[in-house]
Amino acid sequence: MTKKISKSEHSKMQNPIIQFFKYIFLSLKILGIVAGGHGGTRK
């Protein structure tokens, strides 16, 4: 995953706990979109 990182994002990345929760949050969000919106395209 490559995307631009702002200064606030970079400072958050210094904290592994925040990074960990952010990763889980994004994963759940993506899973929710895939399962809910595009359930037929990918299983």
PDB file of N, CA and C in Angstrom:
ATOM      1  N   MET A   1       0.851  -1.190   0.000  1.00  0.00           N
ATOM      2  CA  MET A   1       0.000   0.000   0.000  1.00  0.00           C
ATOM      3  C   MET A   1       0.887   1.240   0.000  1.00  0.00           C
ATOM      4  N   THR A   2       0.882   1.966  -1.075  1.00  0.00           N
ATOM      5  CA  THR A   2       1.679   3.184  -1.149  1.00  0.00           C
ATOM      6  C   THR A   2       0.754   4.373  -1.308  1.00  0.00           C
ATOM      7  N   LYS A   3       0.885   5.309  -0.380  1.00  0.00           N
ATOM      8  CA  LYS A   3       0.104   6.533  -0.473  1.00  0.00           C
ATOM      9  C   LYS A   3       0.844   7.644   0.251  1.00  0.00           C
ATOM     10  N   LYS A   4       0.487   8.869  -0.055  1.00  0.00           N
ATOM     11  CA  LYS A   4       1.173   9.998   0.556  1.00  0.00           C
ATOM     12  C   LYS A   4       0.908  10.039   2.056  1.00  0.00           C
ATOM     13  N   ILE A   5       1.949  10.385   2.799  1.00  0.00           N
ATOM     14  CA  ILE A   5       1.828  10.444   4.252  1.00  0.00           C
ATOM     15  C   ILE A   5       2.033  11.891   4.708  1.00  0.00           C
ATOM     16  N   SER A   6       1.039  12.425   5.381  1.00  0.00           N
ATOM     17  CA  SER A   6       1.151  13.779   5.907  1.00  0.00           C
ATOM     18  C   SER A   6       1.960  13.755   7.190  1.00  0.00           C
ATOM     19  N   LYS A   7       2.285  14.938   7.701  1.00  0.00           N
ATOM     20  CA  LYS A   7       3.113  15.001   8.903  1.00  0.00           C
ATOM     21  C   LYS A   7       2.391  14.400  10.097  1.00  0.00           C
ATOM     22  N   SER A   8       1.098  14.612  10.189  1.00  0.00           N
ATOM     23  CA  SER A   8       0.341  14.050  11.307  1.00  0.00           C
ATOM     24  C   SER A   8       0.311  12.529  11.210  1.00  0.00           C
ATOM     25  N   GLU A   9       0.180  12.016   9.993  1.00  0.00           N
ATOM     26  CA  GLU A   9       0.197  10.571   9.785  1.00  0.00           C
ATOM     27  C   GLU A   9       1.553  10.010  10.184  1.00  0.00           C
ATOM     28  N   HIS A  10       2.603  10.709   9.804  1.00  0.00           N
ATOM     29  CA  HIS A  10       3.954  10.229  10.087  1.00  0.00           C
ATOM     30  C   HIS A  10       4.199  10.187  11.591  1.00  0.00           C
ATOM     31  N   SER A  11       3.715  11.192  12.307  1.00  0.00           N
ATOM     32  CA  SER A  11       3.913  11.219  13.759  1.00  0.00           C
ATOM     33  C   SER A  11       3.137  10.088  14.424  1.00  0.00           C
ATOM     34  N   LYS A  12       1.958   9.770  13.869  1.00  0.00           N
ATOM     35  CA  LYS A  12       1.179   8.653  14.415  1.00  0.00           C
ATOM     36  C   LYS A  12       1.893   7.338  14.173  1.00  0.00           C
ATOM     37  N   MET A  13       2.580   7.240  13.055  1.00  0.00           N
ATOM     38  CA  MET A  13       3.270   6.007  12.719  1.00  0.00           C
ATOM     39  C   MET A  13       4.394   5.702  13.704  1.00  0.00           C
ATOM     40  N   GLN A  14       4.857   6.714  14.419  1.00  0.00           N
ATOM     41  CA  GLN A  14       5.888   6.490  15.424  1.00  0.00           C
ATOM     42  C   GLN A  14       5.361   5.592  16.534  1.00  0.00           C
ATOM     43  N   ASN A  15       4.036   5.585  16.719  1.00  0.00           N
ATOM     44  CA  ASN A  15       3.423   4.780  17.772  1.00  0.00           C
ATOM     45  C   ASN A  15       2.923   3.471  17.178  1.00  0.00           C
ATOM     46  N   PRO A  16       3.563   2.339  17.524  1.00  0.00           N
ATOM     47  CA  PRO A  16       3.172   1.057  16.931  1.00  0.00           C
ATOM     48  C   PRO A  16       1.763   0.635  17.303  1.00  0.00           C
ATOM     49  N   ILE A  17       1.291   1.050  18.483  1.00  0.00           N
ATOM     50  CA  ILE A  17      -0.060   0.686  18.917  1.00  0.00           C
ATOM     51  C   ILE A  17      -1.095   1.366  18.032  1.00  0.00           C
ATOM     52  N   ILE A  18      -0.904   2.650  17.777  1.00  0.00           N
ATOM     53  CA  ILE A  18      -1.830   3.386  16.918  1.00  0.00           C
ATOM     54  C   ILE A  18      -1.787   2.802  15.509  1.00  0.00           C
ATOM     55  N   GLN A  19      -0.589   2.474  15.052  1.00  0.00           N
ATOM     56  CA  GLN A  19      -0.430   1.899  13.719  1.00  0.00           C
ATOM     57  C   GLN A  19      -1.169   0.567  13.629  1.00  0.00           C
ATOM     58  N   PHE A  20      -1.058  -0.217  14.709  1.00  0.00           N
ATOM     59  CA  PHE A  20      -1.696  -1.529  14.754  1.00  0.00           C
ATOM     60  C   PHE A  20      -3.213  -1.410  14.683  1.00  0.00           C
ATOM     61  N   PHE A  21      -3.775  -0.516  15.504  1.00  0.00           N
ATOM     62  CA  PHE A  21      -5.226  -0.335  15.499  1.00  0.00           C
ATOM     63  C   PHE A  21      -5.708   0.256  14.185  1.00  0.00           C
ATOM     64  N   LYS A  22      -4.897   1.144  13.613  1.00  0.00           N
ATOM     65  CA  LYS A  22      -5.265   1.752  12.346  1.00  0.00           C
ATOM     66  C   LYS A  22      -5.322   0.688  11.256  1.00  0.00           C
ATOM     67  N   TYR A  23      -4.357  -0.243  11.308  1.00  0.00           N
ATOM     68  CA  TYR A  23      -4.319  -1.324  10.325  1.00  0.00           C
ATOM     69  C   TYR A  23      -5.553  -2.201  10.454  1.00  0.00           C
ATOM     70  N   ILE A  24      -5.929  -2.547  11.684  1.00  0.00           N
ATOM     71  CA  ILE A  24      -7.117  -3.369  11.914  1.00  0.00           C
ATOM     72  C   ILE A  24      -8.365  -2.627  11.447  1.00  0.00           C
ATOM     73  N   PHE A  25      -8.441  -1.340  11.766  1.00  0.00           N
ATOM     74  CA  PHE A  25      -9.601  -0.538  11.376  1.00  0.00           C
ATOM     75  C   PHE A  25      -9.752  -0.500   9.854  1.00  0.00           C
ATOM     76  N   LEU A  26      -8.634  -0.273   9.165  1.00  0.00           N
ATOM     77  CA  LEU A  26      -8.677  -0.228   7.707  1.00  0.00           C
ATOM     78  C   LEU A  26      -9.049  -1.590   7.138  1.00  0.00           C
ATOM     79  N   SER A  27      -8.518  -2.653   7.747  1.00  0.00           N
ATOM     80  CA  SER A  27      -8.822  -3.998   7.262  1.00  0.00           C
ATOM     81  C   SER A  27     -10.312  -4.301   7.407  1.00  0.00           C
ATOM     82  N   LEU A  28     -10.874  -3.941   8.564  1.00  0.00           N
ATOM     83  CA  LEU A  28     -12.299  -4.177   8.795  1.00  0.00           C
ATOM     84  C   LEU A  28     -13.142  -3.341   7.840  1.00  0.00           C
ATOM     85  N   LYS A  29     -12.685  -2.121   7.584  1.00  0.00           N
ATOM     86  CA  LYS A  29     -13.417  -1.235   6.694  1.00  0.00           C
ATOM     87  C   LYS A  29     -13.424  -1.819   5.280  1.00  0.00           C
ATOM     88  N   ILE A  30     -12.267  -2.284   4.841  1.00  0.00           N
ATOM     89  CA  ILE A  30     -12.170  -2.873   3.505  1.00  0.00           C
ATOM     90  C   ILE A  30     -13.002  -4.145   3.428  1.00  0.00           C
ATOM     91  N   LEU A  31     -12.909  -4.979   4.468  1.00  0.00           N
ATOM     92  CA  LEU A  31     -13.696  -6.212   4.483  1.00  0.00           C
ATOM     93  C   LEU A  31     -15.180  -5.890   4.444  1.00  0.00           C
ATOM     94  N   GLY A  32     -15.585  -4.860   5.160  1.00  0.00           N
ATOM     95  CA  GLY A  32     -16.990  -4.464   5.185  1.00  0.00           C
ATOM     96  C   GLY A  32     -17.463  -4.022   3.816  1.00  0.00           C
ATOM     97  N   ILE A  33     -16.603  -3.278   3.124  1.00  0.00           N
ATOM     98  CA  ILE A  33     -16.961  -2.803   1.789  1.00  0.00           C
ATOM     99  C   ILE A  33     -17.039  -3.978   0.820  1.00  0.00           C
ATOM    100  N   VAL A  34     -16.042  -4.869   0.911  1.00  0.00           N
ATOM    101  CA  VAL A  34     -16.001  -6.015  -0.002  1.00  0.00           C
ATOM    102  C   VAL A  34     -17.179  -6.940   0.256  1.00  0.00           C
ATOM    103  N   ALA A  35     -17.455  -7.222   1.534  1.00  0.00           N
ATOM    104  CA  ALA A  35     -18.519  -8.157   1.875  1.00  0.00           C
ATOM    105  C   ALA A  35     -19.899  -7.544   1.614  1.00  0.00           C
ATOM    106  N   GLY A  36     -20.040  -6.258   1.960  1.00  0.00           N
ATOM    107  CA  GLY A  36     -21.354  -5.628   1.841  1.00  0.00           C
ATOM    108  C   GLY A  36     -21.631  -5.126   0.430  1.00  0.00           C
ATOM    109  N   GLY A  37     -20.712  -4.328  -0.098  1.00  0.00           N
ATOM    110  CA  GLY A  37     -20.983  -3.681  -1.387  1.00  0.00           C
ATOM    111  C   GLY A  37     -20.684  -4.584  -2.552  1.00  0.00           C
ATOM    112  N   HIS A  38     -19.609  -5.371  -2.464  1.00  0.00           N
ATOM    113  CA  HIS A  38     -19.201  -6.165  -3.612  1.00  0.00           C
ATOM    114  C   HIS A  38     -19.082  -7.630  -3.213  1.00  0.00           C
ATOM    115  N   GLY A  39     -20.098  -8.144  -2.581  1.00  0.00           N
ATOM    116  CA  GLY A  39     -20.045  -9.529  -2.123  1.00  0.00           C
ATOM    117  C   GLY A  39     -19.946 -10.519  -3.269  1.00  0.00           C
ATOM    118  N   GLY A  40     -20.460 -10.127  -4.453  1.00  0.00           N
ATOM    119  CA  GLY A  40     -20.491 -11.054  -5.569  1.00  0.00           C
ATOM    120  C   GLY A  40     -19.157 -11.129  -6.302  1.00  0.00           C
ATOM    121  N   THR A  41     -18.349 -10.063  -6.211  1.00  0.00           N
ATOM    122  CA  THR A  41     -17.119 -10.038  -6.987  1.00  0.00           C
ATOM    123  C   THR A  41     -16.026 -10.868  -6.332  1.00  0.00           C
ATOM    124  N   ARG A  42     -15.959 -10.868  -5.006  1.00  0.00           N
ATOM    125  CA  ARG A  42     -14.900 -11.616  -4.340  1.00  0.00           C
ATOM    126  C   ARG A  42     -15.435 -12.333  -3.121  1.00  0.00           C
ATOM    127  N   LYS A  43     -14.962 -13.556  -2.918  1.00  0.00           N
ATOM    128  CA  LYS A  43     -15.396 -14.320  -1.742  1.00  0.00           C
ATOM    129  C   LYS A  43     -14.195 -14.720  -0.914  1.00  0.00           C
TER     130      LYS A  43
END
